[in-house]
N, C-alpha and C. Protein backbone atom coordinates (compact mmCIF):
# COMPACT_ATOMS: atom_id res chain seq x y z
N UNK A 1 41.25 -49.02 -0.89
CA UNK A 1 41.51 -49.37 0.48
C UNK A 1 42.88 -48.84 0.87
N UNK A 2 42.94 -48.21 2.04
CA UNK A 2 44.19 -47.65 2.54
C UNK A 2 44.54 -48.37 3.84
N UNK A 3 45.59 -49.16 3.80
CA UNK A 3 46.02 -49.97 4.94
C UNK A 3 47.53 -50.10 4.88
N UNK A 4 48.21 -49.75 5.97
CA UNK A 4 49.67 -49.79 5.97
C UNK A 4 50.24 -51.18 6.22
N UNK A 5 49.46 -52.10 6.78
CA UNK A 5 49.94 -53.47 7.01
C UNK A 5 49.73 -54.30 5.74
N UNK A 6 50.82 -54.74 5.09
CA UNK A 6 50.67 -55.45 3.82
C UNK A 6 49.87 -56.76 3.92
N UNK A 7 49.99 -57.48 5.03
CA UNK A 7 49.23 -58.72 5.20
C UNK A 7 47.74 -58.46 5.28
N UNK A 8 47.35 -57.50 6.09
CA UNK A 8 45.93 -57.15 6.21
C UNK A 8 45.42 -56.60 4.89
N UNK A 9 46.20 -55.75 4.25
CA UNK A 9 45.81 -55.16 2.97
C UNK A 9 45.54 -56.25 1.93
N UNK A 10 46.42 -57.25 1.86
CA UNK A 10 46.24 -58.33 0.87
C UNK A 10 45.02 -59.19 1.16
N UNK A 11 44.81 -59.51 2.43
CA UNK A 11 43.64 -60.33 2.80
C UNK A 11 42.34 -59.59 2.48
N UNK A 12 42.28 -58.31 2.85
CA UNK A 12 41.07 -57.53 2.58
C UNK A 12 40.85 -57.34 1.09
N UNK A 13 41.92 -57.11 0.35
CA UNK A 13 41.80 -56.96 -1.10
C UNK A 13 41.23 -58.23 -1.72
N UNK A 14 41.76 -59.38 -1.33
CA UNK A 14 41.28 -60.65 -1.86
C UNK A 14 39.82 -60.89 -1.48
N UNK A 15 39.48 -60.65 -0.22
CA UNK A 15 38.10 -60.87 0.23
C UNK A 15 37.12 -59.95 -0.49
N UNK A 16 37.44 -58.67 -0.58
CA UNK A 16 36.54 -57.74 -1.27
C UNK A 16 36.43 -58.08 -2.76
N UNK A 17 37.53 -58.48 -3.36
CA UNK A 17 37.49 -58.89 -4.77
C UNK A 17 36.61 -60.13 -4.95
N UNK A 18 36.75 -61.10 -4.03
CA UNK A 18 35.92 -62.30 -4.08
C UNK A 18 34.44 -61.97 -3.92
N UNK A 19 34.13 -60.90 -3.21
CA UNK A 19 32.74 -60.49 -3.01
C UNK A 19 32.22 -59.62 -4.15
N UNK A 20 33.05 -59.42 -5.17
CA UNK A 20 32.59 -58.71 -6.36
C UNK A 20 32.94 -57.23 -6.41
N UNK A 21 33.69 -56.75 -5.44
CA UNK A 21 34.08 -55.34 -5.45
C UNK A 21 35.39 -55.16 -6.22
N UNK A 22 35.48 -54.09 -6.98
CA UNK A 22 36.76 -53.72 -7.59
C UNK A 22 37.58 -53.02 -6.52
N UNK A 23 38.82 -53.39 -6.37
CA UNK A 23 39.63 -52.87 -5.27
C UNK A 23 40.95 -52.32 -5.79
N UNK A 24 41.26 -51.11 -5.33
CA UNK A 24 42.60 -50.53 -5.50
C UNK A 24 43.15 -50.33 -4.10
N UNK A 25 44.44 -50.52 -3.93
CA UNK A 25 45.02 -50.40 -2.60
C UNK A 25 46.11 -49.34 -2.55
N UNK A 26 46.26 -48.80 -1.34
CA UNK A 26 47.33 -47.85 -1.04
C UNK A 26 47.86 -48.19 0.35
N UNK A 27 49.15 -47.95 0.56
CA UNK A 27 49.72 -48.27 1.87
C UNK A 27 49.88 -47.03 2.76
N UNK A 28 49.43 -45.88 2.29
CA UNK A 28 49.52 -44.65 3.09
C UNK A 28 48.48 -43.65 2.61
N UNK A 29 48.24 -42.66 3.45
CA UNK A 29 47.33 -41.59 3.06
C UNK A 29 47.84 -40.84 1.84
N UNK A 30 49.14 -40.60 1.82
CA UNK A 30 49.73 -39.89 0.69
C UNK A 30 49.54 -40.66 -0.62
N UNK A 31 49.77 -41.97 -0.56
CA UNK A 31 49.58 -42.80 -1.76
C UNK A 31 48.12 -42.83 -2.18
N UNK A 32 47.20 -42.87 -1.21
CA UNK A 32 45.77 -42.87 -1.53
C UNK A 32 45.37 -41.61 -2.26
N UNK A 33 45.85 -40.46 -1.79
CA UNK A 33 45.52 -39.19 -2.45
C UNK A 33 46.05 -39.16 -3.88
N UNK A 34 47.24 -39.69 -4.09
CA UNK A 34 47.81 -39.74 -5.44
C UNK A 34 46.98 -40.66 -6.34
N UNK A 35 46.53 -41.80 -5.82
CA UNK A 35 45.70 -42.71 -6.61
C UNK A 35 44.36 -42.08 -6.96
N UNK A 36 43.76 -41.37 -6.01
CA UNK A 36 42.48 -40.73 -6.26
C UNK A 36 42.59 -39.64 -7.32
N UNK A 37 43.72 -38.98 -7.38
CA UNK A 37 43.93 -37.96 -8.42
C UNK A 37 43.92 -38.59 -9.81
N UNK A 38 44.39 -39.84 -9.91
CA UNK A 38 44.49 -40.52 -11.21
C UNK A 38 43.17 -41.11 -11.68
N UNK A 39 42.41 -41.68 -10.74
CA UNK A 39 41.15 -42.29 -11.14
C UNK A 39 40.18 -42.33 -9.96
N UNK A 40 38.91 -42.06 -10.22
CA UNK A 40 37.91 -42.01 -9.15
C UNK A 40 37.58 -43.40 -8.61
N UNK A 41 37.06 -43.42 -7.39
CA UNK A 41 36.57 -44.65 -6.77
C UNK A 41 35.19 -44.36 -6.18
N UNK A 42 34.50 -45.41 -5.78
CA UNK A 42 33.16 -45.25 -5.21
C UNK A 42 33.16 -45.13 -3.69
N UNK A 43 34.24 -45.59 -3.04
CA UNK A 43 34.31 -45.62 -1.58
C UNK A 43 35.76 -45.78 -1.17
N UNK A 44 36.12 -45.23 -0.02
CA UNK A 44 37.45 -45.43 0.54
C UNK A 44 37.31 -46.17 1.87
N UNK A 45 37.98 -47.31 1.98
CA UNK A 45 38.10 -48.06 3.23
C UNK A 45 39.45 -47.64 3.81
N UNK A 46 39.44 -47.02 4.98
CA UNK A 46 40.60 -46.29 5.47
C UNK A 46 40.98 -46.70 6.88
N UNK A 47 42.23 -47.13 7.05
CA UNK A 47 42.77 -47.44 8.37
C UNK A 47 42.99 -46.14 9.13
N UNK A 48 42.73 -46.14 10.43
CA UNK A 48 42.94 -44.94 11.23
C UNK A 48 44.41 -44.73 11.56
N UNK A 49 45.03 -45.75 12.09
CA UNK A 49 46.41 -45.62 12.56
C UNK A 49 47.39 -46.04 11.48
N UNK A 50 48.05 -45.04 10.93
CA UNK A 50 49.07 -45.26 9.91
C UNK A 50 50.22 -44.31 10.18
N UNK A 51 51.43 -44.71 9.83
CA UNK A 51 52.55 -43.78 9.97
C UNK A 51 52.38 -42.61 9.00
N UNK A 52 52.95 -41.47 9.35
CA UNK A 52 52.81 -40.30 8.50
C UNK A 52 51.41 -39.72 8.67
N UNK A 53 50.72 -39.55 7.57
CA UNK A 53 49.36 -39.01 7.58
C UNK A 53 48.41 -40.09 8.10
N UNK A 54 47.76 -39.83 9.25
CA UNK A 54 46.84 -40.83 9.78
C UNK A 54 45.51 -40.81 9.04
N UNK A 55 44.61 -41.70 9.44
CA UNK A 55 43.34 -41.82 8.74
C UNK A 55 42.47 -40.59 8.80
N UNK A 56 42.46 -39.89 9.93
CA UNK A 56 41.62 -38.68 10.02
C UNK A 56 42.14 -37.58 9.12
N UNK A 57 43.44 -37.38 9.11
CA UNK A 57 44.00 -36.36 8.23
C UNK A 57 43.76 -36.73 6.77
N UNK A 58 43.91 -38.01 6.45
CA UNK A 58 43.65 -38.47 5.09
C UNK A 58 42.19 -38.24 4.72
N UNK A 59 41.27 -38.58 5.64
CA UNK A 59 39.84 -38.39 5.39
C UNK A 59 39.52 -36.92 5.14
N UNK A 60 40.09 -36.04 5.94
CA UNK A 60 39.84 -34.62 5.77
C UNK A 60 40.35 -34.12 4.42
N UNK A 61 41.50 -34.60 3.98
CA UNK A 61 42.04 -34.18 2.68
C UNK A 61 41.20 -34.74 1.54
N UNK A 62 40.75 -35.99 1.70
CA UNK A 62 39.88 -36.59 0.68
C UNK A 62 38.58 -35.78 0.57
N UNK A 63 37.96 -35.47 1.71
CA UNK A 63 36.68 -34.76 1.71
C UNK A 63 36.81 -33.33 1.19
N UNK A 64 37.97 -32.71 1.38
CA UNK A 64 38.14 -31.35 0.85
C UNK A 64 38.20 -31.37 -0.67
N UNK A 65 38.66 -32.47 -1.25
CA UNK A 65 38.79 -32.57 -2.71
C UNK A 65 37.58 -33.28 -3.34
N UNK A 66 37.08 -34.32 -2.67
CA UNK A 66 35.96 -35.13 -3.17
C UNK A 66 34.91 -35.24 -2.07
N UNK A 67 34.11 -34.22 -1.85
CA UNK A 67 33.19 -34.19 -0.70
C UNK A 67 32.13 -35.29 -0.69
N UNK A 68 31.74 -35.81 -1.83
CA UNK A 68 30.68 -36.83 -1.86
C UNK A 68 31.22 -38.25 -1.72
N UNK A 69 32.52 -38.42 -1.70
CA UNK A 69 33.12 -39.76 -1.64
C UNK A 69 32.95 -40.34 -0.24
N UNK A 70 32.24 -41.49 -0.11
CA UNK A 70 32.06 -42.09 1.21
C UNK A 70 33.36 -42.73 1.72
N UNK A 71 33.59 -42.60 3.02
CA UNK A 71 34.77 -43.16 3.66
C UNK A 71 34.32 -44.04 4.82
N UNK A 72 34.85 -45.26 4.87
CA UNK A 72 34.63 -46.18 5.99
C UNK A 72 35.96 -46.27 6.73
N UNK A 73 35.94 -45.93 8.01
CA UNK A 73 37.13 -45.94 8.84
C UNK A 73 37.24 -47.27 9.57
N UNK A 74 38.43 -47.87 9.52
CA UNK A 74 38.70 -49.12 10.22
C UNK A 74 39.79 -48.87 11.26
N UNK A 75 39.57 -49.37 12.47
CA UNK A 75 40.59 -49.22 13.50
C UNK A 75 40.41 -50.26 14.58
N UNK A 76 41.50 -50.51 15.29
CA UNK A 76 41.50 -51.52 16.34
C UNK A 76 40.70 -51.05 17.55
N UNK A 77 40.78 -49.78 17.86
CA UNK A 77 40.09 -49.32 19.07
C UNK A 77 39.27 -48.08 18.76
N UNK A 78 38.17 -47.96 19.49
CA UNK A 78 37.34 -46.76 19.34
C UNK A 78 38.08 -45.59 19.97
N UNK A 79 38.07 -44.49 19.30
CA UNK A 79 38.74 -43.30 19.82
C UNK A 79 37.77 -42.13 19.77
N UNK A 80 37.65 -41.43 20.87
CA UNK A 80 36.73 -40.29 20.96
C UNK A 80 37.07 -39.22 19.94
N UNK A 81 38.36 -39.12 19.56
CA UNK A 81 38.77 -38.01 18.71
C UNK A 81 38.16 -38.06 17.31
N UNK A 82 37.66 -39.20 16.86
CA UNK A 82 37.07 -39.22 15.51
C UNK A 82 35.56 -39.31 15.51
N UNK A 83 34.94 -39.43 16.69
CA UNK A 83 33.48 -39.55 16.73
C UNK A 83 32.78 -38.36 16.08
N UNK A 84 33.36 -37.16 16.20
CA UNK A 84 32.72 -35.98 15.61
C UNK A 84 32.75 -35.98 14.09
N UNK A 85 33.56 -36.88 13.51
CA UNK A 85 33.66 -36.95 12.06
C UNK A 85 32.65 -37.92 11.44
N UNK A 86 32.05 -38.80 12.26
CA UNK A 86 31.09 -39.76 11.73
C UNK A 86 29.93 -38.99 11.12
N UNK A 87 29.61 -39.31 9.88
CA UNK A 87 28.53 -38.65 9.16
C UNK A 87 29.00 -37.49 8.31
N UNK A 88 30.16 -36.94 8.58
CA UNK A 88 30.72 -35.86 7.76
C UNK A 88 31.86 -36.45 6.92
N UNK A 89 33.06 -36.47 7.46
CA UNK A 89 34.17 -37.07 6.74
C UNK A 89 34.03 -38.59 6.65
N UNK A 90 33.52 -39.18 7.73
CA UNK A 90 33.46 -40.64 7.83
C UNK A 90 32.02 -41.12 7.68
N UNK A 91 31.78 -42.01 6.75
CA UNK A 91 30.43 -42.55 6.50
C UNK A 91 30.08 -43.63 7.53
N UNK A 92 31.06 -44.47 7.86
CA UNK A 92 30.83 -45.58 8.78
C UNK A 92 32.14 -45.93 9.47
N UNK A 93 32.01 -46.67 10.55
CA UNK A 93 33.15 -47.10 11.34
C UNK A 93 33.11 -48.62 11.44
N UNK A 94 34.23 -49.26 11.20
CA UNK A 94 34.33 -50.71 11.25
C UNK A 94 35.43 -51.07 12.23
N UNK A 95 35.07 -51.53 13.45
CA UNK A 95 36.10 -51.84 14.44
C UNK A 95 36.82 -53.15 14.11
N UNK A 96 38.14 -53.12 14.25
CA UNK A 96 38.95 -54.34 14.08
C UNK A 96 39.01 -55.04 15.44
N UNK A 97 38.96 -56.36 15.48
CA UNK A 97 38.80 -57.25 14.33
C UNK A 97 37.34 -57.30 13.89
N UNK A 98 37.15 -57.53 12.60
CA UNK A 98 35.81 -57.65 12.06
C UNK A 98 35.76 -58.90 11.20
N UNK A 99 34.55 -59.39 11.00
CA UNK A 99 34.37 -60.57 10.15
C UNK A 99 34.23 -60.12 8.70
N UNK A 100 34.41 -61.04 7.80
CA UNK A 100 34.22 -60.71 6.38
C UNK A 100 32.77 -60.32 6.11
N UNK A 101 31.85 -60.92 6.85
CA UNK A 101 30.43 -60.56 6.70
C UNK A 101 30.22 -59.09 7.13
N UNK A 102 30.81 -58.69 8.26
CA UNK A 102 30.71 -57.30 8.71
C UNK A 102 31.33 -56.34 7.68
N UNK A 103 32.44 -56.75 7.12
CA UNK A 103 33.11 -55.94 6.10
C UNK A 103 32.19 -55.72 4.91
N UNK A 104 31.61 -56.81 4.40
CA UNK A 104 30.73 -56.71 3.24
C UNK A 104 29.50 -55.86 3.55
N UNK A 105 28.89 -56.08 4.71
CA UNK A 105 27.69 -55.32 5.08
C UNK A 105 27.99 -53.83 5.23
N UNK A 106 29.11 -53.50 5.83
CA UNK A 106 29.46 -52.10 6.03
C UNK A 106 29.77 -51.41 4.72
N UNK A 107 30.55 -52.06 3.87
CA UNK A 107 30.89 -51.48 2.57
C UNK A 107 29.64 -51.35 1.70
N UNK A 108 28.84 -52.40 1.66
CA UNK A 108 27.60 -52.35 0.86
C UNK A 108 26.66 -51.26 1.36
N UNK A 109 26.52 -51.14 2.68
CA UNK A 109 25.65 -50.12 3.24
C UNK A 109 26.13 -48.71 2.94
N UNK A 110 27.43 -48.49 3.03
CA UNK A 110 27.99 -47.17 2.74
C UNK A 110 27.83 -46.82 1.26
N UNK A 111 27.98 -47.81 0.40
CA UNK A 111 27.79 -47.56 -1.04
C UNK A 111 26.33 -47.27 -1.34
N UNK A 112 25.41 -47.99 -0.70
CA UNK A 112 23.98 -47.79 -0.96
C UNK A 112 23.50 -46.44 -0.44
N UNK A 113 24.14 -45.93 0.60
CA UNK A 113 23.68 -44.69 1.22
C UNK A 113 24.26 -43.44 0.56
N UNK A 114 25.15 -43.59 -0.39
CA UNK A 114 25.79 -42.38 -0.96
C UNK A 114 24.89 -41.64 -1.90
């Protein structure tokens, strides 16, 4: 999971862990890429708006290196600029705020569809 807000990152990490998912976290796109180089993951839950490398740039870099890795994009507002990436770089979109049930369903669905 890539989320720059430490409070949100901790809550999501705890919730996903409680739901049985193994979770690694990063606070930036750059940190996520470094973590992926060290060990593979099954899915990336990625915030859109982050300082430095935003979610779309991070997704594009992830897909250039690991094309089969599913990415779920999370953001507060829908933005036209990433709609063209749904299905290519981005597997699914999860609008904030979302419920823990929506989180689990979206992550589970993206994992099942890979």
